[in-house]
Amino acid sequence: MSRALIVVAVSLLALPGMALAQSKGKGIRLWNLTSATISGFELSPAGKNEWGPNQTLNDKDKEVDHDERLRITGVEPGRYDAKVSYAGAKQCFVRDIEIKADAVFSVSDKDLKNCNK
């Protein structure tokens, strides 16, 4: 009987740690659905033009290929504009992206605006 009580007590003590680990989630991620490899991805609170760091530096090869996902760091959930850069100095903007906690958001060719070459 005492062994059963010990097992139950240890299980109850472990529950808060397990719940904390589950609440961590996978974080915020970008899914590149554009037709090209992204070499730069910066975020700004919507309408502010206050660009944060290049998020592609979070990737092992510093680029985000088509259909690849990228972990976004240092960003709270909210609405953002994105500056998307490609090889060859092409740069485009995506306006008013909704970013949610522990969720994936995507950028596709149809989202790209005001591109320059």
Protein backbone atom coordinates (compact mmCIF):
# COMPACT_ATOMS: atom_id res chain seq x y z
CA MET A 1 0.00 0.00 0.00
CA SER A 2 2.78 2.49 0.85
CA ARG A 3 4.41 1.98 -2.56
CA ALA A 4 1.14 2.91 -4.24
CA LEU A 5 0.96 6.11 -2.16
CA ILE A 6 4.53 7.02 -3.10
CA VAL A 7 3.77 6.51 -6.82
CA VAL A 8 0.64 8.68 -6.54
CA ALA A 9 2.52 11.40 -4.61
CA VAL A 10 5.39 11.49 -7.13
CA SER A 11 2.89 11.62 -10.01
CA LEU A 12 1.06 14.56 -8.44
CA LEU A 13 4.32 16.43 -7.89
CA ALA A 14 5.30 15.91 -11.52
CA LEU A 15 2.04 17.30 -12.96
CA PRO A 16 2.91 21.02 -12.71
CA GLY A 17 6.24 20.44 -14.47
CA MET A 18 4.55 18.43 -17.21
CA ALA A 19 1.91 21.13 -17.70
CA LEU A 20 4.63 23.80 -17.94
CA ALA A 21 6.52 21.79 -20.54
CA GLN A 22 3.35 21.32 -22.59
CA SER A 23 2.48 25.03 -22.41
CA LYS A 24 5.83 25.99 -23.97
CA GLY A 25 4.62 25.02 -27.46
CA LYS A 26 6.68 25.36 -30.61
CA GLY A 27 6.77 29.15 -30.62
CA ILE A 28 5.93 31.49 -33.47
CA ARG A 29 6.93 30.25 -36.92
CA LEU A 30 6.93 31.67 -40.45
CA TRP A 31 5.99 29.32 -43.28
CA ASN A 32 7.54 30.50 -46.56
CA LEU A 33 4.97 29.85 -49.27
CA THR A 34 6.56 32.31 -51.71
CA SER A 35 8.10 30.88 -54.86
CA ALA A 36 11.65 31.83 -53.84
CA THR A 37 14.13 31.53 -50.99
CA ILE A 38 13.87 34.36 -48.45
CA SER A 39 17.23 35.84 -47.41
CA GLY A 40 15.88 38.52 -45.07
CA PHE A 41 12.74 38.76 -42.93
CA GLU A 42 12.21 41.72 -40.60
CA LEU A 43 9.11 42.62 -38.59
CA SER A 44 7.75 45.98 -37.42
CA PRO A 45 4.62 46.71 -35.43
CA ALA A 46 1.96 47.44 -38.08
CA GLY A 47 2.34 50.92 -39.55
CA LYS A 48 5.43 51.88 -37.49
CA ASN A 49 8.43 51.23 -39.82
CA GLU A 50 10.50 50.20 -36.77
CA TRP A 51 12.17 47.10 -38.17
CA GLY A 52 13.52 44.44 -35.88
CA PRO A 53 16.40 42.05 -36.51
CA ASN A 54 16.71 39.80 -39.55
CA GLN A 55 14.87 36.66 -38.44
CA THR A 56 16.48 34.50 -41.14
CA LEU A 57 19.61 34.53 -38.97
CA ASN A 58 17.69 32.08 -36.73
CA ASP A 59 17.95 29.45 -39.48
CA LYS A 60 20.94 27.13 -39.74
CA ASP A 61 21.69 28.21 -43.35
CA LYS A 62 20.48 31.83 -42.80
CA GLU A 63 17.81 31.48 -45.51
CA VAL A 64 14.24 30.21 -45.67
CA ASP A 65 13.57 28.00 -48.67
CA HIS A 66 10.14 27.62 -50.31
CA ASP A 67 7.91 25.49 -48.03
CA GLU A 68 10.35 25.79 -45.10
CA ARG A 69 9.38 27.05 -41.65
CA LEU A 70 11.41 29.51 -39.61
CA ARG A 71 11.27 30.08 -35.85
CA ILE A 72 10.56 33.75 -35.09
CA THR A 73 12.15 35.07 -31.89
CA GLY A 74 11.77 38.20 -29.77
CA VAL A 75 8.27 38.97 -31.10
CA GLU A 76 5.07 39.12 -29.08
CA PRO A 77 1.69 38.18 -30.58
CA GLY A 78 0.06 41.08 -32.43
CA ARG A 79 -0.20 42.71 -35.85
CA TYR A 80 2.98 43.32 -37.84
CA ASP A 81 4.32 44.47 -41.18
CA ALA A 82 7.12 42.41 -42.72
CA LYS A 83 10.05 43.37 -44.92
CA VAL A 84 10.91 40.34 -47.08
CA SER A 85 14.24 40.25 -48.93
CA TYR A 86 15.46 37.94 -51.67
CA ALA A 87 18.83 37.36 -53.33
CA GLY A 88 19.64 40.00 -55.93
CA ALA A 89 18.41 42.89 -53.74
CA LYS A 90 14.68 42.31 -54.39
CA GLN A 91 12.67 43.50 -51.41
CA CYS A 92 8.92 43.37 -50.78
CA PHE A 93 6.53 44.23 -47.96
CA VAL A 94 3.67 42.35 -46.39
CA ARG A 95 1.28 44.52 -44.38
CA ASP A 96 -0.82 43.75 -41.31
CA ILE A 97 0.12 40.14 -40.56
CA GLU A 98 -1.62 38.68 -37.53
CA ILE A 99 0.88 36.78 -35.38
CA LYS A 100 -0.48 34.49 -32.68
CA ALA A 101 1.38 32.78 -29.84
CA ASP A 102 2.71 29.29 -30.65
CA ALA A 103 1.26 29.45 -34.16
CA VAL A 104 2.44 29.33 -37.75
CA PHE A 105 1.77 32.26 -40.08
CA SER A 106 2.52 32.13 -43.78
CA VAL A 107 3.66 34.52 -46.49
CA SER A 108 2.89 33.74 -50.13
CA ASP A 109 3.52 35.53 -53.43
CA LYS A 110 0.04 37.10 -53.40
CA ASP A 111 0.84 38.78 -50.04
CA LEU A 112 3.93 40.61 -51.37
CA LYS A 113 3.43 44.33 -52.08
CA ASN A 114 5.60 47.27 -53.14
CA CYS A 115 8.41 45.09 -54.47
CA ASN A 116 11.58 46.70 -55.80
CA LYS A 117 14.47 45.10 -57.64
